[in-house]
Amino acid sequence: MLSAFVSAFRTPDLRRKILFTLGLIALYRIGAALPSPGVDYKAVKHCVDVVNGGGDAGIYQLINMFSGGALLQLSVFAIGIMPYITASIIIQLLRVVIPRFEELHKEGQAGQNKMTQYTRYLSVALAILQATGLVALASRKLLLRGCDQDILTDKGIFGMIIIVLVMTAGAALVMWLGELITERGIGNGMSLLIFAGIAARLPAQGKGILDSRGGLIFGTVIVAALVVVVGVIFVEQGQRRIPVQYAKRVVGRKMYGGSSTYLPLKVNQAGVIPVIFASSLLYLPNLVAQLTQGHSGGTGSWWQKIIQEYLVNPGNPVYVAIYFILIVFFTYFYVAITFSPEERADEMKKFGGFIPGYRPGKPTADYLTRVLSRITLPGSIYLGAVAVLPNLFLDIGGSGGAGSQLPFGGTSILIVVSVGLDTVKQIESQLMNRNYEGFLK
C-alpha cells in the first residue's frame, strides 16, 4: 500500500490533484478556526469548555461534528457544509412532487447543471436561515446552555446582521471549495470536507477521554472503535450483484451486445442520509422549545419538559428508540426516492438487457423491488445500530451527555470509513488506468 502511495505521488497529474485537495482542506480548517466579527472568542472558548463538561450541547453534536467544531465556536465557517447537504436532499426529494425537476434529471448534463444551480440558490437561502437562528440563540444565551457569559460583543441589529452575512458568505465559500475539490481534486469534495472536520477533532477528544477516564477505558474505546470500523467496512463493501445479460444486436455493419455484467445493489444504499434526516427531525422540537422558552422565561411548560426529557437526552431509552425507528423509516424512504426499479428495468430493456429468468419490463422491475426491499432491511438496522451505539455507552466518554460526543463511534466512524473507502477507490482507479499497482490487490 505504501508503494502505491509512492506511485501516486510520482504521477504528476495525480500528485497535482492530491496536493490541490490537501491545500483546499487546509484552507477550510483555517476558516473553521477564525472567529466571526462581533464574537468574543475567549468567552466562546470558556463556554464551549463548560458545555462540553456539562453535556448540554448534545442536540448540536451532529451539526457541530459536520462543521469540525466550528459551530459552537461561532467561526466564519460555523454553518459549514450543512446547508448544501440539506439543499441537495431537498432537491432530490422535490423530484417526486415537481415534474420539472424530474424532466431536468433526465436531460443529461445540461439538466444536471440546472439542478446544481437550484441547489446552490437553496443552499444560500438555508445558510441565511441557519445563521440567523444561530445568532438569535447566541444573543439569548440559549446556544451554549449552562454558560451565562455574553459571547456577542454587539447585540445590536447591525452587529448581528454583520455576523449573519459573514457566516452566510462562509457557507457559500465552503460550498465552492467542495465543488472545486470534486472537479479538480480527488474524491467527493463535500464528503472530504466533512471527513476533515471529524478527523481534526479525533486527537483532542481522544486525549479528553484519556485524561478523564484513564488508560484502561481509553484502550477499551480504541478496541471498540476498531471493531466498529471493521463492521462498517464489511457492510459498506457488501452488495448484491444481480446478473444482467445483453442480447446481440446488429447496428449497421457492427454487432453489439452479447455480453454479461451485473447490477450492484449495496446493502447500505442510502449512505448516511437517513441519520441526518433523523437527527434533524429530533432537533426541531427542541429548537422550537428553546425559542419559546426564551420568550416566556421560567422553567417552561409541560411539553417543553417532555421534549427536554425524551427528545434531547441521548441516554434516555425513549430517545434511543425513537432515533432508531426514524433511521429505519428514512432509510426505506430515501432508497425508494433515489432508486427506481422501473427506470432500471426500462434502461435494461432499451439496450437489450435482461435478468436471466425474468422477462424485460414489469417482471424485471418487480424482481428488483423485491430484492431491494430485502437488502434494505439489514441495511437500515445496521445504520440504526451504528448511529445509536454511542448513546448506549454514554458513561464511557464522560458523565451524562458528554458521552454523546464520543468521536470513535456512531455517525463519525460511518462517515470517515465511507469517505475513506470512496477516496481510496478513486485513487486506485486512476492508478490502474496508468498501469500502476493499486491499493487493493
Protein backbone atom coordinates (compact mmCIF):
# COMPACT_ATOMS: atom_id res chain seq x y z
CA MET A 1 0.00 0.00 0.00
CA LEU A 2 2.89 2.38 0.77
CA SER A 3 4.40 1.64 -2.64
CA ALA A 4 1.03 2.56 -4.18
CA PHE A 5 1.16 5.92 -2.39
CA VAL A 6 4.66 6.46 -3.77
CA SER A 7 3.39 5.63 -7.26
CA ALA A 8 0.52 8.09 -6.82
CA PHE A 9 2.88 10.93 -5.90
CA ARG A 10 5.26 10.05 -8.74
CA THR A 11 2.47 10.62 -11.25
CA PRO A 12 2.49 14.39 -11.99
CA ASP A 13 -1.24 14.70 -12.75
CA LEU A 14 -2.32 12.62 -9.76
CA ARG A 15 0.19 14.34 -7.46
CA ARG A 16 -1.16 17.72 -8.53
CA LYS A 17 -4.74 16.64 -7.74
CA ILE A 18 -3.80 15.27 -4.31
CA LEU A 19 -1.84 18.39 -3.33
CA PHE A 20 -4.66 20.61 -4.61
CA THR A 21 -7.16 18.69 -2.47
CA LEU A 22 -4.95 18.86 0.64
CA GLY A 23 -4.43 22.60 0.13
CA LEU A 24 -8.18 23.34 -0.01
CA ILE A 25 -8.80 21.14 3.04
CA ALA A 26 -6.12 23.11 4.95
CA LEU A 27 -7.81 26.37 3.88
CA TYR A 28 -11.13 25.03 5.14
CA ARG A 29 -9.65 24.16 8.52
CA ILE A 30 -8.14 27.65 8.82
CA GLY A 31 -11.55 29.23 8.18
CA ALA A 32 -13.12 26.94 10.77
CA ALA A 33 -10.78 28.41 13.40
CA LEU A 34 -11.33 32.10 12.51
CA PRO A 35 -13.88 33.80 14.81
CA SER A 36 -16.63 35.87 13.22
CA PRO A 37 -16.58 39.66 13.77
CA GLY A 38 -18.51 40.69 16.85
CA VAL A 39 -17.84 37.42 18.69
CA ASP A 40 -15.88 37.29 21.95
CA TYR A 41 -13.60 34.34 21.22
CA LYS A 42 -12.34 33.99 24.82
CA ALA A 43 -15.90 33.87 26.14
CA VAL A 44 -16.87 31.34 23.46
CA LYS A 45 -13.91 29.11 24.33
CA HIS A 46 -14.81 29.24 28.02
CA CYS A 47 -18.46 28.47 27.31
CA VAL A 48 -17.60 25.57 24.99
CA ASP A 49 -15.47 24.04 27.76
CA VAL A 50 -18.36 24.48 30.22
CA VAL A 51 -20.89 22.97 27.81
CA ASN A 52 -18.67 20.02 26.89
CA GLY A 53 -18.11 19.33 30.54
CA GLY A 54 -21.81 19.51 31.38
CA GLY A 55 -23.06 17.73 28.30
CA ASP A 56 -25.70 20.35 27.44
CA ALA A 57 -24.76 20.56 23.76
CA GLY A 58 -25.89 17.09 22.79
CA ILE A 59 -28.55 18.39 20.39
CA TYR A 60 -25.90 20.30 18.43
CA GLN A 61 -23.41 17.46 18.17
CA LEU A 62 -24.32 16.34 14.63
CA ILE A 63 -24.09 19.82 13.07
CA ASN A 64 -21.07 20.67 15.21
CA MET A 65 -19.41 17.44 14.06
CA PHE A 66 -20.05 18.21 10.39
CA SER A 67 -18.56 21.69 10.84
CA GLY A 68 -15.45 20.32 12.56
CA GLY A 69 -16.28 22.07 15.84
CA ALA A 70 -16.78 25.45 14.14
CA LEU A 71 -20.48 25.70 15.02
CA LEU A 72 -20.14 26.11 18.78
CA GLN A 73 -17.16 28.43 18.27
CA LEU A 74 -19.21 30.75 16.01
CA SER A 75 -16.36 30.90 13.50
CA VAL A 76 -16.52 32.12 9.89
CA PHE A 77 -17.32 28.58 8.73
CA ALA A 78 -19.73 27.91 11.61
CA ILE A 79 -22.58 26.91 9.27
CA GLY A 80 -20.20 24.72 7.29
CA ILE A 81 -21.44 22.28 4.68
CA MET A 82 -24.84 21.54 6.24
CA PRO A 83 -26.87 24.00 4.07
CA TYR A 84 -25.55 22.39 0.90
CA ILE A 85 -26.25 18.87 2.19
CA THR A 86 -29.77 19.86 3.22
CA ALA A 87 -30.41 21.61 -0.10
CA SER A 88 -29.20 18.59 -2.06
CA ILE A 89 -31.53 16.31 -0.13
CA ILE A 90 -34.49 18.68 -0.61
CA ILE A 91 -33.86 18.95 -4.38
CA GLN A 92 -33.72 15.17 -4.65
CA LEU A 93 -36.99 14.81 -2.75
CA LEU A 94 -38.67 17.50 -4.86
CA ARG A 95 -38.10 15.38 -7.97
CA VAL A 96 -41.04 13.28 -6.81
CA VAL A 97 -43.50 16.17 -6.50
CA ILE A 98 -42.24 18.62 -9.16
CA PRO A 99 -42.35 17.18 -12.71
CA ARG A 100 -39.98 19.89 -13.97
CA PHE A 101 -37.20 18.61 -11.71
CA GLU A 102 -37.75 15.06 -12.96
CA GLU A 103 -37.50 16.30 -16.55
CA LEU A 104 -34.24 18.10 -15.78
CA HIS A 105 -32.89 14.92 -14.20
CA LYS A 106 -33.49 13.03 -17.45
CA GLU A 107 -31.95 15.72 -19.71
CA GLY A 108 -28.38 14.67 -19.03
CA GLN A 109 -25.55 17.06 -18.25
CA ALA A 110 -27.48 20.23 -19.15
CA GLY A 111 -30.31 19.32 -16.81
CA GLN A 112 -27.85 18.33 -14.09
CA ASN A 113 -26.18 21.74 -14.32
CA LYS A 114 -29.55 23.42 -13.87
CA MET A 115 -30.33 21.24 -10.84
CA THR A 116 -26.92 22.16 -9.38
CA GLN A 117 -27.74 25.83 -9.84
CA TYR A 118 -31.03 25.43 -7.98
CA THR A 119 -29.17 23.60 -5.21
CA ARG A 120 -26.73 26.49 -4.83
CA TYR A 121 -29.51 29.07 -4.56
CA LEU A 122 -31.34 26.97 -1.98
CA SER A 123 -28.07 26.44 -0.07
CA VAL A 124 -27.54 30.20 0.30
CA ALA A 125 -31.15 30.67 1.48
CA LEU A 126 -30.78 27.90 4.05
CA ALA A 127 -27.43 29.34 5.17
CA ILE A 128 -29.11 32.69 5.89
CA LEU A 129 -31.85 30.95 7.91
CA GLN A 130 -29.40 28.81 9.88
CA ALA A 131 -27.04 31.72 10.55
CA THR A 132 -29.96 33.87 11.73
CA GLY A 133 -31.16 31.15 14.08
CA LEU A 134 -27.65 30.56 15.38
CA VAL A 135 -27.07 34.25 16.12
CA ALA A 136 -30.53 34.58 17.69
CA LEU A 137 -29.83 31.67 20.05
CA ALA A 138 -26.39 33.09 20.89
CA SER A 139 -27.82 36.54 21.70
CA ARG A 140 -30.34 34.97 24.12
CA LYS A 141 -27.66 32.74 25.73
CA LEU A 142 -29.51 29.64 24.54
CA LEU A 143 -26.84 28.32 22.17
CA LEU A 144 -24.29 27.34 24.83
CA ARG A 145 -26.62 26.48 27.70
CA GLY A 146 -25.10 26.41 31.15
CA CYS A 147 -22.84 29.40 30.42
CA ASP A 148 -24.02 32.91 31.41
CA GLN A 149 -21.29 34.89 29.65
CA ASP A 150 -22.10 37.12 26.69
CA ILE A 151 -20.42 35.68 23.62
CA LEU A 152 -21.55 38.52 21.32
CA THR A 153 -19.84 41.87 21.79
CA ASP A 154 -22.54 43.72 19.83
CA LYS A 155 -26.17 42.68 20.25
CA GLY A 156 -27.49 45.47 18.08
CA ILE A 157 -29.36 44.75 14.85
CA PHE A 158 -26.50 45.97 12.66
CA GLY A 159 -23.90 43.92 14.54
CA MET A 160 -25.94 40.72 14.31
CA ILE A 161 -26.64 41.32 10.58
CA ILE A 162 -22.87 41.53 10.01
CA ILE A 163 -22.35 38.18 11.76
CA VAL A 164 -25.15 36.56 9.71
CA LEU A 165 -23.68 37.88 6.46
CA VAL A 166 -20.18 36.66 7.35
CA MET A 167 -21.45 33.18 8.24
CA THR A 168 -23.55 33.03 5.07
CA ALA A 169 -20.55 34.03 2.96
CA GLY A 170 -18.51 31.40 4.78
CA ALA A 171 -21.09 28.73 3.93
CA ALA A 172 -21.04 29.80 0.26
CA LEU A 173 -17.23 29.65 0.27
CA VAL A 174 -17.28 26.16 1.78
CA MET A 175 -19.72 25.07 -0.93
CA TRP A 176 -17.35 26.46 -3.58
CA LEU A 177 -14.34 24.70 -2.03
CA GLY A 178 -16.21 21.40 -2.06
CA GLU A 179 -17.13 21.79 -5.73
CA LEU A 180 -13.53 22.69 -6.61
CA ILE A 181 -12.27 19.52 -4.91
CA THR A 182 -14.81 17.42 -6.80
CA GLU A 183 -13.92 18.97 -10.17
CA ARG A 184 -10.13 19.34 -9.92
CA GLY A 185 -9.08 17.19 -6.97
CA ILE A 186 -9.54 13.65 -5.70
CA GLY A 187 -12.79 12.31 -4.25
CA ASN A 188 -16.10 13.96 -3.43
CA GLY A 189 -15.39 17.48 -2.16
CA MET A 190 -18.32 17.81 0.25
CA SER A 191 -17.64 14.43 1.81
CA LEU A 192 -13.93 15.17 2.19
CA LEU A 193 -14.66 18.45 4.00
CA ILE A 194 -16.87 16.60 6.48
CA PHE A 195 -14.15 13.95 6.78
CA ALA A 196 -11.56 16.64 7.55
CA GLY A 197 -13.78 18.23 10.21
CA ILE A 198 -14.31 14.91 12.00
CA ALA A 199 -10.69 13.78 11.73
CA ALA A 200 -9.43 17.13 13.08
CA ARG A 201 -11.33 16.60 16.33
CA LEU A 202 -10.29 13.00 16.97
CA PRO A 203 -6.93 13.67 18.71
CA ALA A 204 -8.30 16.30 21.12
CA GLN A 205 -11.39 14.28 22.03
CA GLY A 206 -9.33 11.11 22.39
CA LYS A 207 -6.99 12.95 24.76
CA GLY A 208 -10.04 14.16 26.71
CA ILE A 209 -11.19 10.57 27.24
CA LEU A 210 -7.67 9.53 28.26
CA ASP A 211 -7.36 12.36 30.80
CA SER A 212 -10.82 11.98 32.30
CA ARG A 213 -11.28 8.20 32.28
CA GLY A 214 -7.79 6.73 32.35
CA GLY A 215 -5.76 4.46 30.12
CA LEU A 216 -7.90 1.32 30.61
CA ILE A 217 -11.11 2.97 29.42
CA PHE A 218 -9.25 4.70 26.61
CA GLY A 219 -7.82 1.37 25.43
CA THR A 220 -11.28 -0.19 25.61
CA VAL A 221 -12.69 2.64 23.49
CA ILE A 222 -9.93 2.20 20.89
CA VAL A 223 -10.57 -1.56 20.65
CA ALA A 224 -14.34 -0.99 20.38
CA ALA A 225 -13.74 1.64 17.69
CA LEU A 226 -11.60 -0.79 15.68
CA VAL A 227 -14.34 -3.42 15.91
CA VAL A 228 -16.90 -0.89 14.69
CA VAL A 229 -14.59 0.15 11.83
CA VAL A 230 -14.22 -3.47 10.70
CA GLY A 231 -18.00 -3.93 10.85
CA VAL A 232 -18.66 -0.72 8.92
CA ILE A 233 -16.14 -1.67 6.21
CA PHE A 234 -17.69 -5.13 5.92
CA VAL A 235 -21.23 -3.79 5.46
CA GLU A 236 -20.26 -0.81 3.28
CA GLN A 237 -18.46 -3.16 0.88
CA GLY A 238 -21.37 -5.60 0.86
CA GLN A 239 -23.56 -5.68 -2.24
CA ARG A 240 -25.98 -7.92 -4.05
CA ARG A 241 -24.82 -8.48 -7.62
CA ILE A 242 -27.74 -9.17 -9.94
CA PRO A 243 -26.58 -10.78 -13.23
CA VAL A 244 -27.62 -8.96 -16.40
CA GLN A 245 -27.34 -10.40 -19.93
CA TYR A 246 -27.31 -8.27 -23.10
CA ALA A 247 -28.59 -9.82 -26.31
CA LYS A 248 -26.62 -9.46 -29.54
CA ARG A 249 -27.87 -6.81 -31.95
CA VAL A 250 -26.61 -5.59 -35.30
CA VAL A 251 -26.29 -1.84 -35.97
CA GLY A 252 -25.10 -1.16 -39.49
CA ARG A 253 -22.18 -3.48 -40.09
CA LYS A 254 -21.25 -3.84 -36.43
CA MET A 255 -22.54 -6.26 -33.82
CA TYR A 256 -23.16 -5.05 -30.29
CA GLY A 257 -24.16 -6.79 -27.08
CA GLY A 258 -23.79 -10.43 -26.30
CA SER A 259 -22.01 -9.60 -23.04
CA SER A 260 -22.87 -10.29 -19.42
CA THR A 261 -22.47 -7.98 -16.45
CA TYR A 262 -24.15 -7.38 -13.12
CA LEU A 263 -26.20 -4.69 -11.39
CA PRO A 264 -24.71 -3.97 -7.92
CA LEU A 265 -27.17 -3.16 -5.13
CA LYS A 266 -25.41 -2.04 -1.94
CA VAL A 267 -26.63 -3.19 1.44
CA ASN A 268 -26.39 0.40 2.65
CA GLN A 269 -27.94 2.01 -0.41
CA ALA A 270 -28.89 5.22 1.44
CA GLY A 271 -25.49 6.10 2.93
CA VAL A 272 -25.53 8.42 5.93
CA ILE A 273 -28.52 10.49 4.73
CA PRO A 274 -31.13 8.74 6.97
CA VAL A 275 -29.02 9.59 10.04
CA ILE A 276 -29.03 13.26 9.02
CA PHE A 277 -32.80 13.16 8.46
CA ALA A 278 -33.49 11.54 11.84
CA SER A 279 -31.16 13.85 13.76
CA SER A 280 -32.64 16.95 12.13
CA LEU A 281 -36.18 15.83 12.92
CA LEU A 282 -35.28 15.21 16.56
CA TYR A 283 -33.56 18.60 16.71
CA LEU A 284 -36.54 20.67 15.52
CA PRO A 285 -38.87 20.21 18.57
CA ASN A 286 -36.08 21.24 20.94
CA LEU A 287 -35.26 24.29 18.80
CA VAL A 288 -38.90 25.41 18.99
CA ALA A 289 -38.93 24.77 22.74
CA GLN A 290 -35.78 26.84 23.23
CA LEU A 291 -37.10 29.80 21.27
CA THR A 292 -40.46 29.78 23.05
CA GLN A 293 -38.78 29.38 26.42
CA GLY A 294 -36.65 32.40 25.60
CA HIS A 295 -39.84 34.47 25.25
CA SER A 296 -41.80 33.01 28.15
CA GLY A 297 -38.97 32.61 30.67
CA GLY A 298 -39.20 30.38 33.70
CA THR A 299 -38.86 26.64 33.63
CA GLY A 300 -41.08 26.16 30.60
CA SER A 301 -44.37 24.36 30.06
CA TRP A 302 -45.07 20.66 30.42
CA TRP A 303 -44.44 19.90 26.75
CA GLN A 304 -41.06 21.66 26.95
CA LYS A 305 -40.15 19.44 29.89
CA ILE A 306 -41.21 16.35 27.93
CA ILE A 307 -39.04 17.42 24.99
CA GLN A 308 -36.08 18.01 27.30
CA GLU A 309 -36.52 14.61 28.90
CA TYR A 310 -37.27 12.36 25.92
CA LEU A 311 -36.06 14.17 22.76
CA VAL A 312 -32.86 15.85 23.99
CA ASN A 313 -31.21 13.45 26.43
CA PRO A 314 -29.27 10.93 24.28
CA GLY A 315 -29.06 8.49 27.18
CA ASN A 316 -32.84 8.16 27.55
CA PRO A 317 -34.16 4.82 26.20
CA VAL A 318 -37.12 6.64 24.60
CA TYR A 319 -34.70 8.91 22.69
CA VAL A 320 -32.66 5.90 21.51
CA ALA A 321 -35.80 4.01 20.40
CA ILE A 322 -37.26 6.99 18.51
CA TYR A 323 -33.89 7.73 16.89
CA PHE A 324 -33.53 4.11 15.74
CA ILE A 325 -37.08 3.90 14.35
CA LEU A 326 -36.66 7.19 12.46
CA ILE A 327 -33.41 5.97 10.87
CA VAL A 328 -35.06 2.73 9.70
CA PHE A 329 -38.03 4.67 8.29
CA PHE A 330 -35.90 7.25 6.48
CA THR A 331 -33.66 4.52 5.05
CA TYR A 332 -36.63 2.92 3.30
CA PHE A 333 -37.96 6.35 2.32
CA TYR A 334 -34.70 7.62 0.83
CA VAL A 335 -33.99 4.38 -1.05
CA ALA A 336 -37.49 4.49 -2.54
CA ILE A 337 -36.90 8.08 -3.65
CA THR A 338 -33.43 7.69 -5.14
CA PHE A 339 -33.58 4.20 -6.69
CA SER A 340 -36.36 3.45 -9.17
CA PRO A 341 -36.66 -0.23 -10.22
CA GLU A 342 -38.94 0.83 -13.08
CA GLU A 343 -36.24 3.13 -14.51
CA ARG A 344 -33.57 0.43 -14.23
CA ALA A 345 -35.85 -2.10 -15.91
CA ASP A 346 -36.65 0.34 -18.75
CA GLU A 347 -32.95 1.12 -19.26
CA MET A 348 -32.08 -2.57 -19.49
CA LYS A 349 -34.96 -3.19 -21.91
CA LYS A 350 -33.90 -0.21 -24.04
CA PHE A 351 -30.37 -1.57 -24.52
CA GLY A 352 -31.42 -5.19 -24.93
CA GLY A 353 -30.57 -6.30 -21.42
CA PHE A 354 -32.45 -8.76 -19.22
CA ILE A 355 -32.09 -10.63 -15.95
CA PRO A 356 -31.91 -14.41 -16.56
CA GLY A 357 -35.22 -15.99 -15.63
CA TYR A 358 -37.23 -12.75 -15.75
CA ARG A 359 -38.88 -11.10 -18.71
CA PRO A 360 -37.96 -7.47 -19.50
CA GLY A 361 -40.27 -4.73 -18.29
CA LYS A 362 -42.60 -5.12 -15.31
CA PRO A 363 -41.41 -8.62 -14.20
CA THR A 364 -37.84 -7.27 -14.01
CA ALA A 365 -39.00 -4.19 -12.06
CA ASP A 366 -40.94 -6.38 -9.61
CA TYR A 367 -37.91 -8.58 -9.07
CA LEU A 368 -35.65 -5.56 -8.42
CA THR A 369 -38.22 -4.13 -5.98
CA ARG A 370 -38.35 -7.42 -4.07
CA VAL A 371 -34.57 -7.73 -3.86
CA LEU A 372 -34.16 -4.08 -2.86
CA SER A 373 -36.70 -4.35 -0.04
CA ARG A 374 -34.92 -7.42 1.32
CA ILE A 375 -31.44 -5.92 1.40
CA THR A 376 -32.71 -2.56 2.71
CA LEU A 377 -33.92 -4.19 5.94
CA PRO A 378 -30.47 -5.28 7.18
CA GLY A 379 -29.02 -2.02 5.82
CA SER A 380 -31.47 0.08 7.84
CA ILE A 381 -30.89 -1.97 11.00
CA TYR A 382 -27.14 -1.61 10.52
CA LEU A 383 -27.44 2.18 10.13
CA GLY A 384 -29.63 2.48 13.21
CA ALA A 385 -27.34 0.27 15.30
CA VAL A 386 -24.21 2.21 14.33
CA ALA A 387 -25.91 5.57 14.97
CA VAL A 388 -27.29 4.73 18.43
CA LEU A 389 -24.21 2.79 19.55
CA PRO A 390 -22.60 5.78 21.37
CA ASN A 391 -25.90 6.51 23.15
CA LEU A 392 -25.79 3.05 24.73
CA PHE A 393 -22.35 3.76 26.24
CA LEU A 394 -22.68 7.37 27.39
CA ASP A 395 -20.67 6.80 30.55
CA ILE A 396 -17.58 5.74 28.58
CA GLY A 397 -16.86 9.21 27.23
CA GLY A 398 -17.63 11.02 30.44
CA SER A 399 -20.62 11.75 32.63
CA GLY A 400 -24.10 12.43 31.42
CA GLY A 401 -24.49 13.78 27.92
CA ALA A 402 -20.78 14.04 27.34
CA GLY A 403 -20.78 10.50 26.12
CA SER A 404 -22.72 11.60 23.09
CA GLN A 405 -19.56 13.39 21.98
CA LEU A 406 -17.67 10.11 21.69
CA PRO A 407 -15.71 10.58 18.45
CA PHE A 408 -14.92 6.91 17.92
CA GLY A 409 -18.43 5.65 17.40
CA GLY A 410 -21.65 6.04 15.51
CA THR A 411 -22.02 8.53 12.74
CA SER A 412 -18.38 9.68 12.94
CA ILE A 413 -16.96 6.26 12.07
CA LEU A 414 -19.64 5.71 9.43
CA ILE A 415 -18.73 8.93 7.60
CA VAL A 416 -14.95 8.59 8.00
CA VAL A 417 -14.86 4.99 6.77
CA SER A 418 -17.29 5.57 3.88
CA VAL A 419 -15.44 8.65 2.61
CA GLY A 420 -12.07 6.96 3.07
CA LEU A 421 -13.12 3.91 1.07
CA ASP A 422 -14.58 6.03 -1.72
CA THR A 423 -11.45 8.20 -1.97
CA VAL A 424 -9.09 5.21 -1.97
CA LYS A 425 -11.14 3.59 -4.74
CA GLN A 426 -10.92 6.74 -6.86
CA ILE A 427 -7.14 6.97 -6.41
CA GLU A 428 -6.81 3.26 -7.20
CA SER A 429 -8.86 3.57 -10.38
CA GLN A 430 -6.60 6.36 -11.63
CA LEU A 431 -3.51 4.31 -10.75
CA MET A 432 -4.90 1.29 -12.60
CA ASN A 433 -5.55 3.45 -15.66
CA ARG A 434 -1.83 4.29 -15.64
CA ASN A 435 -0.84 0.63 -15.21
CA TYR A 436 0.35 1.10 -11.64
CA GLU A 437 -0.20 -1.29 -8.80
CA GLY A 438 -3.28 -0.24 -6.85
CA PHE A 439 -4.09 -0.12 -3.17
CA LEU A 440 -6.31 -3.19 -3.17
CA LYS A 441 -4.64 -6.26 -4.64
